[in-house]
Amino acid sequence: MIDNTTGNARANFERSRTELVKIMQEAQGTSRVSETECFFKSGDERTAEVLFTGNRTVTNVGRPEPRTAYTSMSMTLEKVDGRWLCSNTVFLES
């Protein structure tokens, strides 16, 4: 994930990565996303605003039965060295 981020998204992930990995390993957590869609909102040759939606299914050792919820987020993308990287993510309430 770190290779696909820049800016705030990268800083936030780097800051919380160790704790997130620990929590997921202890909980034996899984997360899968399906039925994804991405919508272009605005942008130019350097930046873009997109809306991402999908169904996220999660499990963990405490609740092994899969739970699925609709997820949507607004993302800011920046073109860095020819690649589009996520620089900010805002989860939207469903």
C-alpha atoms as a PDB file:
ATOM      1  CA  MET A   1       0.000   0.000   0.000  1.00  0.00           C
ATOM      2  CA  ILE A   2       2.822   2.400   0.804  1.00  0.00           C
ATOM      3  CA  ASP A   3       4.004   2.319  -2.825  1.00  0.00           C
ATOM      4  CA  ASN A   4       0.626   3.635  -4.012  1.00  0.00           C
ATOM      5  CA  THR A   5       0.416   6.662  -1.712  1.00  0.00           C
ATOM      6  CA  THR A   6       1.930  10.120  -1.322  1.00  0.00           C
ATOM      7  CA  GLY A   7       1.300  13.191   0.827  1.00  0.00           C
ATOM      8  CA  ASN A   8      -1.120  12.887   3.766  1.00  0.00           C
ATOM      9  CA  ALA A   9      -2.197   9.360   2.848  1.00  0.00           C
ATOM     10  CA  ARG A  10       1.382   8.130   2.938  1.00  0.00           C
ATOM     11  CA  ALA A  11       2.211   9.961   6.187  1.00  0.00           C
ATOM     12  CA  ASN A  12      -0.916   8.596   7.894  1.00  0.00           C
ATOM     13  CA  PHE A  13      -0.204   5.039   6.751  1.00  0.00           C
ATOM     14  CA  GLU A  14       3.453   5.186   7.773  1.00  0.00           C
ATOM     15  CA  ARG A  15       2.484   6.547  11.193  1.00  0.00           C
ATOM     16  CA  SER A  16      -0.100   3.830  11.896  1.00  0.00           C
ATOM     17  CA  ARG A  17       1.286   0.874   9.915  1.00  0.00           C
ATOM     18  CA  THR A  18       3.034  -0.931  12.797  1.00  0.00           C
ATOM     19  CA  GLU A  19      -0.011  -0.758  15.064  1.00  0.00           C
ATOM     20  CA  LEU A  20      -2.403  -1.767  12.263  1.00  0.00           C
ATOM     21  CA  VAL A  21      -0.312  -4.824  11.372  1.00  0.00           C
ATOM     22  CA  LYS A  22      -0.150  -5.840  15.033  1.00  0.00           C
ATOM     23  CA  ILE A  23      -3.914  -5.508  15.504  1.00  0.00           C
ATOM     24  CA  MET A  24      -4.713  -7.427  12.313  1.00  0.00           C
ATOM     25  CA  GLN A  25      -2.298 -10.228  13.190  1.00  0.00           C
ATOM     26  CA  GLU A  26      -3.640 -10.573  16.751  1.00  0.00           C
ATOM     27  CA  ALA A  27      -7.252 -10.543  15.552  1.00  0.00           C
ATOM     28  CA  GLN A  28      -6.412 -12.775  12.567  1.00  0.00           C
ATOM     29  CA  GLY A  29      -8.376 -10.226  10.582  1.00  0.00           C
ATOM     30  CA  THR A  30      -9.231 -10.373   6.923  1.00  0.00           C
ATOM     31  CA  SER A  31     -10.769  -7.751   4.697  1.00  0.00           C
ATOM     32  CA  ARG A  32     -11.896  -8.172   1.097  1.00  0.00           C
ATOM     33  CA  VAL A  33     -13.473  -5.619  -1.226  1.00  0.00           C
ATOM     34  CA  SER A  34     -15.840  -6.553  -4.050  1.00  0.00           C
ATOM     35  CA  GLU A  35     -18.198  -4.851  -6.485  1.00  0.00           C
ATOM     36  CA  THR A  36     -15.942  -1.821  -6.708  1.00  0.00           C
ATOM     37  CA  GLU A  37     -16.628   1.288  -8.747  1.00  0.00           C
ATOM     38  CA  CYS A  38     -14.616   4.456  -9.212  1.00  0.00           C
ATOM     39  CA  PHE A  39     -16.074   7.748 -10.436  1.00  0.00           C
ATOM     40  CA  PHE A  40     -14.142  10.761 -11.727  1.00  0.00           C
ATOM     41  CA  LYS A  41     -15.278  13.979 -10.008  1.00  0.00           C
ATOM     42  CA  SER A  42     -12.752  16.560 -11.254  1.00  0.00           C
ATOM     43  CA  GLY A  43      -9.118  17.011 -12.129  1.00  0.00           C
ATOM     44  CA  ASP A  44      -6.398  18.030 -14.498  1.00  0.00           C
ATOM     45  CA  GLU A  45      -3.100  16.553 -15.727  1.00  0.00           C
ATOM     46  CA  ARG A  46      -1.564  16.592 -12.180  1.00  0.00           C
ATOM     47  CA  THR A  47      -4.419  15.957  -9.724  1.00  0.00           C
ATOM     48  CA  ALA A  48      -7.794  14.239  -9.660  1.00  0.00           C
ATOM     49  CA  GLU A  49     -10.694  13.866  -7.263  1.00  0.00           C
ATOM     50  CA  VAL A  50     -12.443  10.505  -7.442  1.00  0.00           C
ATOM     51  CA  LEU A  51     -15.190   8.676  -5.585  1.00  0.00           C
ATOM     52  CA  PHE A  52     -14.600   5.013  -4.751  1.00  0.00           C
ATOM     53  CA  THR A  53     -17.377   2.620  -3.689  1.00  0.00           C
ATOM     54  CA  GLY A  54     -17.435  -1.066  -2.889  1.00  0.00           C
ATOM     55  CA  ASN A  55     -18.597  -3.800  -0.547  1.00  0.00           C
ATOM     56  CA  ARG A  56     -16.106  -4.662   2.195  1.00  0.00           C
ATOM     57  CA  THR A  57     -16.307  -8.067   3.872  1.00  0.00           C
ATOM     58  CA  VAL A  58     -14.396  -8.521   7.136  1.00  0.00           C
ATOM     59  CA  THR A  59     -13.741 -11.392   9.541  1.00  0.00           C
ATOM     60  CA  ASN A  60     -11.651 -11.844  12.675  1.00  0.00           C
ATOM     61  CA  VAL A  61     -11.025 -14.472  15.325  1.00  0.00           C
ATOM     62  CA  GLY A  62     -13.633 -12.908  17.642  1.00  0.00           C
ATOM     63  CA  ARG A  63     -16.331 -12.819  14.934  1.00  0.00           C
ATOM     64  CA  PRO A  64     -15.438 -15.394  12.291  1.00  0.00           C
ATOM     65  CA  GLU A  65     -18.733 -15.045  10.388  1.00  0.00           C
ATOM     66  CA  PRO A  66     -18.216 -12.672   7.441  1.00  0.00           C
ATOM     67  CA  ARG A  67     -19.774  -9.200   7.751  1.00  0.00           C
ATOM     68  CA  THR A  68     -20.284  -7.111   4.641  1.00  0.00           C
ATOM     69  CA  ALA A  69     -20.826  -3.357   4.545  1.00  0.00           C
ATOM     70  CA  TYR A  70     -20.998  -0.801   1.760  1.00  0.00           C
ATOM     71  CA  THR A  71     -17.953   1.502   1.773  1.00  0.00           C
ATOM     72  CA  SER A  72     -17.470   4.799  -0.018  1.00  0.00           C
ATOM     73  CA  MET A  73     -14.624   7.262   0.046  1.00  0.00           C
ATOM     74  CA  SER A  74     -13.489  10.408  -1.666  1.00  0.00           C
ATOM     75  CA  MET A  75      -9.878  10.252  -2.805  1.00  0.00           C
ATOM     76  CA  THR A  76      -7.402  12.837  -4.032  1.00  0.00           C
ATOM     77  CA  LEU A  77      -4.887  11.485  -6.537  1.00  0.00           C
ATOM     78  CA  GLU A  78      -1.620  13.115  -7.591  1.00  0.00           C
ATOM     79  CA  LYS A  79       0.495  12.203 -10.594  1.00  0.00           C
ATOM     80  CA  VAL A  80       4.042  11.521  -9.381  1.00  0.00           C
ATOM     81  CA  ASP A  81       6.741  10.322 -11.827  1.00  0.00           C
ATOM     82  CA  GLY A  82       4.065   9.188 -14.274  1.00  0.00           C
ATOM     83  CA  ARG A  83       2.022   7.249 -11.670  1.00  0.00           C
ATOM     84  CA  TRP A  84      -1.285   8.213 -10.046  1.00  0.00           C
ATOM     85  CA  LEU A  85      -0.880   7.976  -6.263  1.00  0.00           C
ATOM     86  CA  CYS A  86      -3.430   8.501  -3.505  1.00  0.00           C
ATOM     87  CA  SER A  87      -2.583  11.614  -1.485  1.00  0.00           C
ATOM     88  CA  ASN A  88      -5.724  11.889   0.661  1.00  0.00           C
ATOM     89  CA  THR A  89      -8.693   9.726   1.584  1.00  0.00           C
ATOM     90  CA  VAL A  90     -11.944  10.690   3.285  1.00  0.00           C
ATOM     91  CA  PHE A  91     -14.372   7.925   4.251  1.00  0.00           C
ATOM     92  CA  LEU A  92     -17.966   8.921   3.571  1.00  0.00           C
ATOM     93  CA  GLU A  93     -20.906   7.841   5.683  1.00  0.00           C
ATOM     94  CA  SER A  94     -23.343   5.548   3.936  1.00  0.00           C
END
